[in-house]
Each structure stands twice: as C-alpha cells, then as structure tokens.
C-alpha cells in the first residue's frame, strides 16, 4: 500500500473545493480493503474533519488506536450499539423515524446528549427519511433538546452522471429540504451530498462537507478523461510465480478445461485464487503484468491458483507479478473490474482483505 499516493490523492481532491469545505473520508470496510488504521492515521495527519464508517467495530478500533476525530456512522445504527455510540462519542446518521425515536428514548433514559446527522432519501430509494418526513423529524428533535442536529445529508444514485435527470432531481430535492430547515429556524453545522464522483464533477454538490471514498484510493469514479486531476493507485496487489510449464497445442489447463492452448505455450502459475479475493469471473478474462508486459489470464480461476500466458517471456518461479495496480497503473482497477463485470470497490475490498499488506511511505 502506497501511503504517499493516498496523501497525494487527498491533496488533489482538496484542490477541487473551497478551503472552507471539510473532508469526511469514507474508510468503511477496512478502508475499502486498504487497511483501516494505516489509512486513518495517514488521513488524520493531512487535515480532515473526521471519518465516515458504517460499522461500530471499526469505530471502536479507531478510538482504541487513539484517533479522536469525529466519526459518523453513515449507514445508521442498530439499537444494541447505542451504549457504545455514547461511550465512544460517535455521531450516528439517522436514516428513518424509527431510529430517531430509538435515539431520543435512549438519550432520555440515560440522560446523555447526542449529535446526529439526518440522512434524507432524495431519490436513491435506499436509506434515509423521505422529504415529507423531515418536518416530523424536526418535531421529534425539538421535543428532545438533548439531541443536536449537526448535519443534513443525502446520497446520489448516479453522481458520475451529473446531467442525468435523477441526479438533477436529487440535488433539487436536497436544496429544497435545506430551505425548509431554514424556514423552521434550524441551522445544522453541515450539509453534505458529494461522494467522490460528485466532488470531482459537480461543484454544486460540495456544500461545506464532502465524502470522498473511491478516489482517495486512486480509482476513478467516472471516466478518467472527465476528471481534472490525476489519481495514483494506493493498492498494488502482487504475487510470486509458483511454477512455470509448457502446454502442448491442444492441451488444456485448469478446471473444465475452459482454456485449450492453440499452440505450444508457456504458462506461469500463481498461488492466488478466489479464496484470496481474486474473482472467479476473471476466468479467461483477467490480466497481469510481468517482465514489462501485460499477460492474459488463461483458464479458470480456482481457489488458490491462477495461470497466465507468458509465452516468449523469460519468466521463472519466484518472479514477481502485478495482479492489480502498480506504480504506473500497469493493471488498472477500473479495467480489471470491468472485465470481471463488477466495480473497483469490490476488487479493493476482496483483494485487500485476502492479502498480506506492506505499507510504503
């Protein structure tokens, strides 16, 4: 993991917003597979508002590591979490009236105060109060002064397409809800809507807090040519060649076999597979980088072995192969994910968790 690249990506993202806009990096799910604590410590040293998480266990790990910056649970909370949320001074995003009532009841019983963010569903159809429920939520908050509304937030379904009708509609709805709060005399500290794609592509979504995720880790949330900044991959997944053998013309390799050598060829076997997070959907579709050349994956991805065509290359057991990322982005996450029929988020989470991590700074 290249922590210098993480710092660089954050600085480049900061260059796109006004200086007064706060940053809430999203580091949920083990920082998208990059390692929760090293990523959190690195970002904390670069001047951010706080961290976006979705899991109480990860919030606990940050606090136990001495990280005192604000933590917002972006996906709401479960009722049993409330004592720890209070103890750890975590800020919950409240996603419906049920959660708001739970929080109000718990705060009254324990005589504890809470800061919270209200999450609106402005059109994504997922977590969040409907705009019509906003007034009722404000009534509950006014009846419970021990609850402090610190922020109003929503999430865009198609942030990578700022001109799409649903995106325009969501932005309009969010702006209308902000106006409604002002009419009611409610002034939260933060309004936030922008994820990585919106941060990069649409200044109208910035408000005074942004939530970068994918872009921090060096993958583009939209077409790279549409972005005004260059991002560096933070994760490089590598493995050593385990064995090299010749296949005769017509000989298959692996399960099925779903690949048959069209002519004599050399194949390098790497001890990585779907047990390590390398997606089986990359069978006969994946690629890697070795000896300054891109090499195609041949055959089925199995539990702990994948094979690459290294015909014409001087490859030997022990040679290092790049499976994802690379200093010059030799194996782009965006392209590999597309070939797997998925998104870079999934590649990062799976390969990151199944790997031994080394951090460079």
Protein backbone atom coordinates (compact mmCIF):
# COMPACT_ATOMS: atom_id res chain seq x y z
CA UNK A 1 0.00 0.00 0.00
CA UNK A 2 1.43 3.36 -1.06
CA UNK A 3 0.52 5.86 1.65
CA UNK A 4 2.24 8.67 -0.24
CA UNK A 5 -0.24 8.08 -3.06
CA UNK A 6 -3.07 8.32 -0.53
CA UNK A 7 -1.77 11.69 0.64
CA UNK A 8 -1.37 12.85 -2.94
CA UNK A 9 -4.90 11.83 -3.88
CA UNK A 10 -6.33 13.67 -0.89
CA UNK A 11 -4.41 16.85 -1.74
CA UNK A 12 -5.58 16.72 -5.34
CA UNK A 13 -9.17 16.27 -4.25
CA UNK A 14 -8.81 19.17 -1.83
CA UNK A 15 -7.68 21.36 -4.72
CA UNK A 16 -11.15 20.99 -6.27
CA UNK A 17 -13.08 22.51 -3.37
CA UNK A 18 -13.05 25.78 -1.46
CA UNK A 19 -10.72 25.89 1.54
CA UNK A 20 -13.60 26.08 4.00
CA UNK A 21 -15.12 22.78 2.81
CA UNK A 22 -14.46 19.96 5.26
CA UNK A 23 -13.40 16.44 4.29
CA UNK A 24 -15.01 13.30 5.68
CA UNK A 25 -13.05 10.45 4.08
CA UNK A 26 -15.03 7.23 3.83
CA UNK A 27 -12.88 4.46 5.28
CA UNK A 28 -15.54 1.82 5.93
CA UNK A 29 -14.94 -1.87 5.24
CA UNK A 30 -11.27 -1.82 6.18
CA UNK A 31 -10.76 1.38 4.14
CA UNK A 32 -12.03 -0.43 1.05
CA UNK A 33 -9.57 -3.23 1.75
CA UNK A 34 -6.56 -0.93 2.19
CA UNK A 35 -6.24 -1.30 5.97
CA UNK A 36 -8.31 0.75 8.40
CA UNK A 37 -5.72 2.04 10.86
CA UNK A 38 -2.82 2.89 8.50
CA UNK A 39 -5.23 4.72 6.20
CA UNK A 40 -6.94 6.54 9.08
CA UNK A 41 -3.65 7.66 10.64
CA UNK A 42 -2.36 8.89 7.30
CA UNK A 43 -5.50 10.87 6.51
CA UNK A 44 -5.70 12.31 10.03
CA UNK A 45 -2.24 13.78 9.58
CA UNK A 46 -3.37 15.63 6.45
CA UNK A 47 -6.08 17.81 7.98
CA UNK A 48 -9.55 16.32 7.69
CA UNK A 49 -12.78 16.83 9.63
CA UNK A 50 -13.35 13.20 10.53
CA UNK A 51 -14.12 9.71 9.26
CA UNK A 52 -17.09 8.07 7.59
CA UNK A 53 -17.76 4.48 8.68
CA UNK A 54 -20.66 2.05 8.71
CA UNK A 55 -19.57 -0.44 11.37
CA UNK A 56 -19.34 0.07 15.12
CA UNK A 57 -16.42 -2.37 15.45
CA UNK A 58 -14.32 -0.22 13.14
CA UNK A 59 -15.25 2.89 15.13
CA UNK A 60 -14.08 1.11 18.27
CA UNK A 61 -10.76 0.25 16.62
CA UNK A 62 -10.18 3.90 15.70
CA UNK A 63 -10.89 5.06 19.23
CA UNK A 64 -8.69 2.35 20.77
CA UNK A 65 -5.90 3.48 18.43
CA UNK A 66 -6.16 6.99 19.88
CA UNK A 67 -7.88 8.64 16.92
CA UNK A 68 -10.17 11.26 18.41
CA UNK A 69 -11.53 12.90 15.24
CA UNK A 70 -15.30 12.81 14.71
CA UNK A 71 -16.69 9.54 13.38
CA UNK A 72 -20.00 9.44 11.54
CA UNK A 73 -21.81 6.12 11.07
CA UNK A 74 -23.10 6.82 7.56
CA UNK A 75 -25.49 3.87 7.29
CA UNK A 76 -27.37 4.31 10.52
CA UNK A 77 -27.13 2.12 13.60
CA UNK A 78 -28.59 -0.88 15.37
CA UNK A 79 -30.30 -0.44 18.74
CA UNK A 80 -27.73 -2.54 20.70
CA UNK A 81 -24.99 -0.17 19.51
CA UNK A 82 -26.33 2.85 21.39
CA UNK A 83 -24.38 2.43 24.66
CA UNK A 84 -21.11 2.19 22.72
CA UNK A 85 -22.07 5.07 20.43
CA UNK A 86 -22.50 7.18 23.56
CA UNK A 87 -19.30 5.95 25.21
CA UNK A 88 -17.15 6.40 22.13
CA UNK A 89 -18.74 9.75 21.21
CA UNK A 90 -19.75 8.51 17.77
CA UNK A 91 -22.10 10.57 15.60
CA UNK A 92 -24.88 8.45 14.09
CA UNK A 93 -26.54 9.21 10.78
CA UNK A 94 -30.23 8.67 11.49
CA UNK A 95 -31.86 7.02 8.48
CA UNK A 96 -35.53 6.86 9.50
CA UNK A 97 -38.02 7.99 12.14
CA UNK A 98 -37.71 4.66 13.95
CA UNK A 99 -34.01 5.26 14.55
CA UNK A 100 -34.66 8.84 15.60
CA UNK A 101 -37.20 7.68 18.19
CA UNK A 102 -34.79 5.00 19.42
CA UNK A 103 -32.08 7.59 19.89
CA UNK A 104 -34.46 10.00 21.64
CA UNK A 105 -35.71 7.32 24.03
CA UNK A 106 -32.20 6.09 24.86
CA UNK A 107 -30.93 9.62 25.45
CA UNK A 108 -33.80 10.38 27.84
CA UNK A 109 -33.31 7.15 29.81
CA UNK A 110 -29.57 7.63 30.15
CA UNK A 111 -29.54 11.43 30.38
CA UNK A 112 -26.97 11.57 27.58
CA UNK A 113 -26.66 14.08 24.77
CA UNK A 114 -26.04 13.10 21.15
CA UNK A 115 -25.01 14.85 17.97
CA UNK A 116 -26.56 13.35 14.85
CA UNK A 117 -26.92 13.76 11.13
CA UNK A 118 -30.25 13.25 9.42
CA UNK A 119 -29.98 11.21 6.25
CA UNK A 120 -32.52 12.01 3.54
CA UNK A 121 -33.62 9.74 0.73
CA UNK A 122 -33.79 12.30 -2.07
CA UNK A 123 -34.39 9.71 -4.76
CA UNK A 124 -31.96 6.83 -4.37
CA UNK A 125 -34.64 4.66 -2.81
CA UNK A 126 -32.35 3.29 -0.15
CA UNK A 127 -31.61 4.53 3.38
CA UNK A 128 -32.97 7.86 4.53
CA UNK A 129 -36.05 9.78 5.61
CA UNK A 130 -38.35 10.93 2.85
CA UNK A 131 -38.54 14.72 2.40
CA UNK A 132 -42.11 14.51 3.66
CA UNK A 133 -40.84 13.08 6.96
CA UNK A 134 -38.42 15.93 7.58
CA UNK A 135 -40.89 18.11 9.48
CA UNK A 136 -41.85 15.22 11.75
CA UNK A 137 -38.17 14.57 12.42
CA UNK A 138 -37.69 18.23 13.37
CA UNK A 139 -40.66 17.95 15.75
CA UNK A 140 -39.01 15.00 17.49
CA UNK A 141 -35.73 16.90 17.73
CA UNK A 142 -37.45 19.95 19.19
CA UNK A 143 -39.12 17.74 21.79
CA UNK A 144 -35.73 16.25 22.67
CA UNK A 145 -33.21 19.09 23.14
CA UNK A 146 -30.61 16.54 24.24
CA UNK A 147 -30.35 15.61 20.54
CA UNK A 148 -28.35 18.07 18.47
CA UNK A 149 -28.79 18.11 14.72
CA UNK A 150 -25.27 18.58 13.42
CA UNK A 151 -25.80 17.72 9.77
CA UNK A 152 -28.19 17.04 6.93
CA UNK A 153 -27.02 14.59 4.28
CA UNK A 154 -28.10 12.54 1.30
CA UNK A 155 -26.50 10.21 -1.23
CA UNK A 156 -26.58 10.41 -5.02
CA UNK A 157 -27.56 7.35 -7.04
CA UNK A 158 -25.77 8.47 -10.23
CA UNK A 159 -23.19 11.02 -9.13
CA UNK A 160 -20.95 10.07 -12.06
CA UNK A 161 -23.66 11.46 -14.36
CA UNK A 162 -24.35 14.99 -13.10
CA UNK A 163 -26.67 15.83 -16.01
CA UNK A 164 -28.84 12.75 -15.59
CA UNK A 165 -32.44 13.51 -14.62
CA UNK A 166 -32.30 11.58 -11.34
CA UNK A 167 -29.17 13.48 -10.29
CA UNK A 168 -30.72 16.85 -11.05
CA UNK A 169 -33.87 15.83 -9.21
CA UNK A 170 -31.95 14.66 -6.16
CA UNK A 171 -29.95 17.89 -5.99
CA UNK A 172 -33.15 19.92 -6.25
CA UNK A 173 -34.86 17.93 -3.51
CA UNK A 174 -31.87 18.28 -1.19
CA UNK A 175 -31.76 22.05 -1.75
CA UNK A 176 -35.48 22.29 -1.02
CA UNK A 177 -35.02 20.41 2.25
CA UNK A 178 -32.27 22.81 3.27
CA UNK A 179 -34.65 25.73 2.60
CA UNK A 180 -37.31 24.02 4.68
CA UNK A 181 -34.90 23.77 7.61
CA UNK A 182 -34.01 27.44 7.31
CA UNK A 183 -37.70 28.39 7.34
CA UNK A 184 -38.08 26.35 10.52
CA UNK A 185 -35.10 28.16 12.02
CA UNK A 186 -32.92 25.04 12.07
CA UNK A 187 -29.27 25.56 11.18
CA UNK A 188 -27.16 22.40 11.18
CA UNK A 189 -23.41 22.84 11.03
CA UNK A 190 -23.00 20.63 7.95
CA UNK A 191 -24.78 19.88 4.70
CA UNK A 192 -23.23 17.08 2.65
CA UNK A 193 -24.14 15.34 -0.57
CA UNK A 194 -20.92 14.78 -2.54
CA UNK A 195 -19.18 11.43 -2.85
CA UNK A 196 -16.03 11.04 -4.97
CA UNK A 197 -17.74 11.45 -8.34
CA UNK A 198 -19.78 14.47 -7.29
CA UNK A 199 -16.74 16.05 -5.65
CA UNK A 200 -14.81 15.77 -8.91
CA UNK A 201 -17.55 16.57 -11.42
CA UNK A 202 -20.09 18.86 -9.78
CA UNK A 203 -19.21 21.87 -7.61
CA UNK A 204 -22.88 22.49 -6.85
CA UNK A 205 -22.85 19.40 -4.60
CA UNK A 206 -19.95 20.45 -2.39
CA UNK A 207 -21.81 22.42 0.27
CA UNK A 208 -19.49 22.52 3.32
CA UNK A 209 -18.56 18.85 3.74
CA UNK A 210 -17.61 16.20 1.17
CA UNK A 211 -17.28 12.43 1.48
CA UNK A 212 -14.54 11.09 -0.83
CA UNK A 213 -14.17 7.33 -0.94
CA UNK A 214 -13.04 5.52 -4.08
CA UNK A 215 -11.00 8.43 -5.44
CA UNK A 216 -8.87 8.52 -2.29
CA UNK A 217 -7.62 5.06 -3.16
CA UNK A 218 -6.68 6.03 -6.70
CA UNK A 219 -9.55 4.67 -8.79
CA UNK A 220 -11.69 6.94 -10.93
CA UNK A 221 -15.40 7.04 -10.07
CA UNK A 222 -16.09 8.34 -13.58
CA UNK A 223 -14.36 8.35 -16.95
CA UNK A 224 -10.72 9.38 -16.32
CA UNK A 225 -10.75 11.85 -19.20
CA UNK A 226 -13.60 13.72 -17.48
CA UNK A 227 -11.56 14.41 -14.37
CA UNK A 228 -9.33 17.46 -13.87
CA UNK A 229 -6.91 15.59 -11.61
CA UNK A 230 -4.68 12.56 -11.86
CA UNK A 231 -5.10 9.88 -9.22
CA UNK A 232 -2.49 7.35 -8.11
CA UNK A 233 -3.34 3.78 -7.09
CA UNK A 234 -2.73 3.18 -3.41
CA UNK A 235 -3.08 -0.60 -3.60
CA UNK A 236 -0.76 -2.78 -5.63
CA UNK A 237 -1.51 -6.49 -5.37
CA UNK A 238 1.50 -8.67 -6.17
CA UNK A 239 2.29 -12.36 -6.11
CA UNK A 240 5.26 -14.54 -6.94
CA UNK A 241 5.21 -17.08 -9.73
CA UNK A 242 4.95 -20.53 -8.19
CA UNK A 243 5.62 -22.69 -11.22
CA UNK A 244 6.10 -22.43 -15.00
CA UNK A 245 5.31 -25.19 -17.50
CA UNK A 246 4.85 -25.77 -21.20
CA UNK A 247 1.48 -26.65 -22.69
CA UNK A 248 1.32 -28.55 -25.95
CA UNK A 249 -1.00 -27.43 -28.72
CA UNK A 250 -4.46 -28.71 -27.84
CA UNK A 251 -3.67 -29.24 -24.18
CA UNK A 252 -5.99 -27.71 -21.62
CA UNK A 253 -5.17 -26.14 -18.26
CA UNK A 254 -7.24 -25.98 -15.13
CA UNK A 255 -10.84 -26.95 -14.46
CA UNK A 256 -13.08 -27.74 -17.41
CA UNK A 257 -10.76 -27.13 -19.05
CA UNK A 258 -12.21 -23.82 -20.26
CA UNK A 259 -8.94 -22.94 -21.98
CA UNK A 260 -7.06 -25.03 -24.54
CA UNK A 261 -3.67 -23.96 -25.87
CA UNK A 262 -3.99 -23.01 -29.57
CA UNK A 263 -0.28 -23.73 -30.00
CA UNK A 264 2.66 -24.61 -27.76
CA UNK A 265 2.91 -22.04 -25.00
CA UNK A 266 4.42 -21.31 -21.58
CA UNK A 267 2.13 -20.79 -18.62
CA UNK A 268 3.02 -19.28 -15.26
CA UNK A 269 1.02 -20.40 -12.22
CA UNK A 270 0.45 -18.01 -9.33
CA UNK A 271 -0.76 -19.13 -5.87
CA UNK A 272 -3.76 -16.79 -5.74
CA UNK A 273 -7.42 -17.51 -6.34
CA UNK A 274 -10.95 -16.73 -5.30
CA UNK A 275 -10.13 -17.69 -1.70
CA UNK A 276 -7.83 -14.66 -1.75
CA UNK A 277 -10.42 -12.37 -3.33
CA UNK A 278 -9.39 -12.81 -6.95
CA UNK A 279 -12.77 -13.04 -8.65
CA UNK A 280 -13.69 -16.24 -10.48
CA UNK A 281 -15.45 -14.12 -13.10
CA UNK A 282 -11.96 -13.15 -14.32
CA UNK A 283 -11.51 -16.68 -15.71
CA UNK A 284 -10.15 -16.28 -19.26
CA UNK A 285 -10.66 -12.51 -18.87
CA UNK A 286 -8.12 -11.25 -16.37
CA UNK A 287 -4.60 -9.99 -16.99
CA UNK A 288 -1.46 -9.20 -15.05
CA UNK A 289 1.93 -7.54 -15.56
CA UNK A 290 5.33 -9.20 -15.54
CA UNK A 291 8.66 -8.52 -17.25
CA UNK A 292 7.35 -5.16 -18.54
CA UNK A 293 4.49 -6.82 -20.38
CA UNK A 294 0.78 -7.41 -19.88
CA UNK A 295 -0.04 -11.11 -19.84
CA UNK A 296 -3.51 -12.67 -20.16
CA UNK A 297 -5.08 -14.98 -17.62
CA UNK A 298 -5.85 -18.37 -19.14
CA UNK A 299 -8.29 -20.92 -17.83
CA UNK A 300 -10.45 -20.93 -14.72
CA UNK A 301 -9.68 -19.05 -11.56
CA UNK A 302 -9.57 -21.73 -8.89
CA UNK A 303 -9.45 -21.47 -5.12
CA UNK A 304 -5.71 -20.89 -4.84
CA UNK A 305 -4.24 -20.97 -8.38
CA UNK A 306 -4.44 -18.79 -11.49
CA UNK A 307 -2.48 -19.17 -14.72
CA UNK A 308 -1.07 -16.62 -17.16
CA UNK A 309 0.26 -16.96 -20.68
CA UNK A 310 3.93 -15.94 -20.51
CA UNK A 311 4.96 -17.33 -23.89
CA UNK A 312 8.08 -15.56 -25.15
CA UNK A 313 8.99 -14.13 -21.75
CA UNK A 314 11.88 -15.20 -19.53
CA UNK A 315 9.69 -15.94 -16.51
CA UNK A 316 10.85 -18.21 -13.67
CA UNK A 317 9.47 -19.33 -10.31
CA UNK A 318 9.91 -16.55 -7.76
CA UNK A 319 9.45 -13.73 -10.27
CA UNK A 320 7.06 -11.01 -9.11
CA UNK A 321 3.81 -10.38 -10.93
CA UNK A 322 1.46 -7.40 -10.53
CA UNK A 323 -2.16 -8.52 -10.27
CA UNK A 324 -3.68 -5.10 -9.55
CA UNK A 325 -2.43 -1.52 -9.57
CA UNK A 326 1.27 -0.93 -9.98
CA UNK A 327 3.49 2.18 -9.83
CA UNK A 328 2.43 3.16 -13.36
CA UNK A 329 -1.05 1.72 -13.01
CA UNK A 330 0.01 -1.31 -15.05
CA UNK A 331 -3.15 -3.20 -14.07
CA UNK A 332 -5.85 -0.53 -13.72
CA UNK A 333 -8.55 -1.38 -11.21
CA UNK A 334 -11.18 0.17 -13.45
CA UNK A 335 -10.31 -2.06 -16.42
CA UNK A 336 -9.89 -5.25 -14.42
CA UNK A 337 -13.19 -4.63 -12.64
CA UNK A 338 -14.95 -4.07 -15.95
CA UNK A 339 -13.65 -7.39 -17.26
CA UNK A 340 -14.93 -9.08 -14.10
CA UNK A 341 -18.35 -7.50 -14.51
CA UNK A 342 -18.01 -5.53 -11.29
CA UNK A 343 -16.64 -2.26 -9.89
CA UNK A 344 -13.25 -1.30 -8.40
CA UNK A 345 -14.78 -1.13 -4.91
CA UNK A 346 -15.30 -4.89 -4.91
CA UNK A 347 -11.81 -5.65 -6.20
CA UNK A 348 -10.23 -3.50 -3.49
CA UNK A 349 -12.32 -4.94 -0.67
CA UNK A 350 -11.77 -8.56 -1.70
CA UNK A 351 -8.11 -8.48 -2.72
CA UNK A 352 -7.17 -6.20 0.16
CA UNK A 353 -8.69 -8.43 2.80
CA UNK A 354 -7.19 -11.59 1.35
CA UNK A 355 -3.64 -10.27 1.21
CA UNK A 356 -0.63 -9.68 3.39
CA UNK A 357 -0.21 -5.90 3.40
CA UNK A 358 3.03 -3.97 3.25
CA UNK A 359 2.85 -0.17 3.71
CA UNK A 360 5.25 2.20 1.98
CA UNK A 361 5.50 5.89 2.77
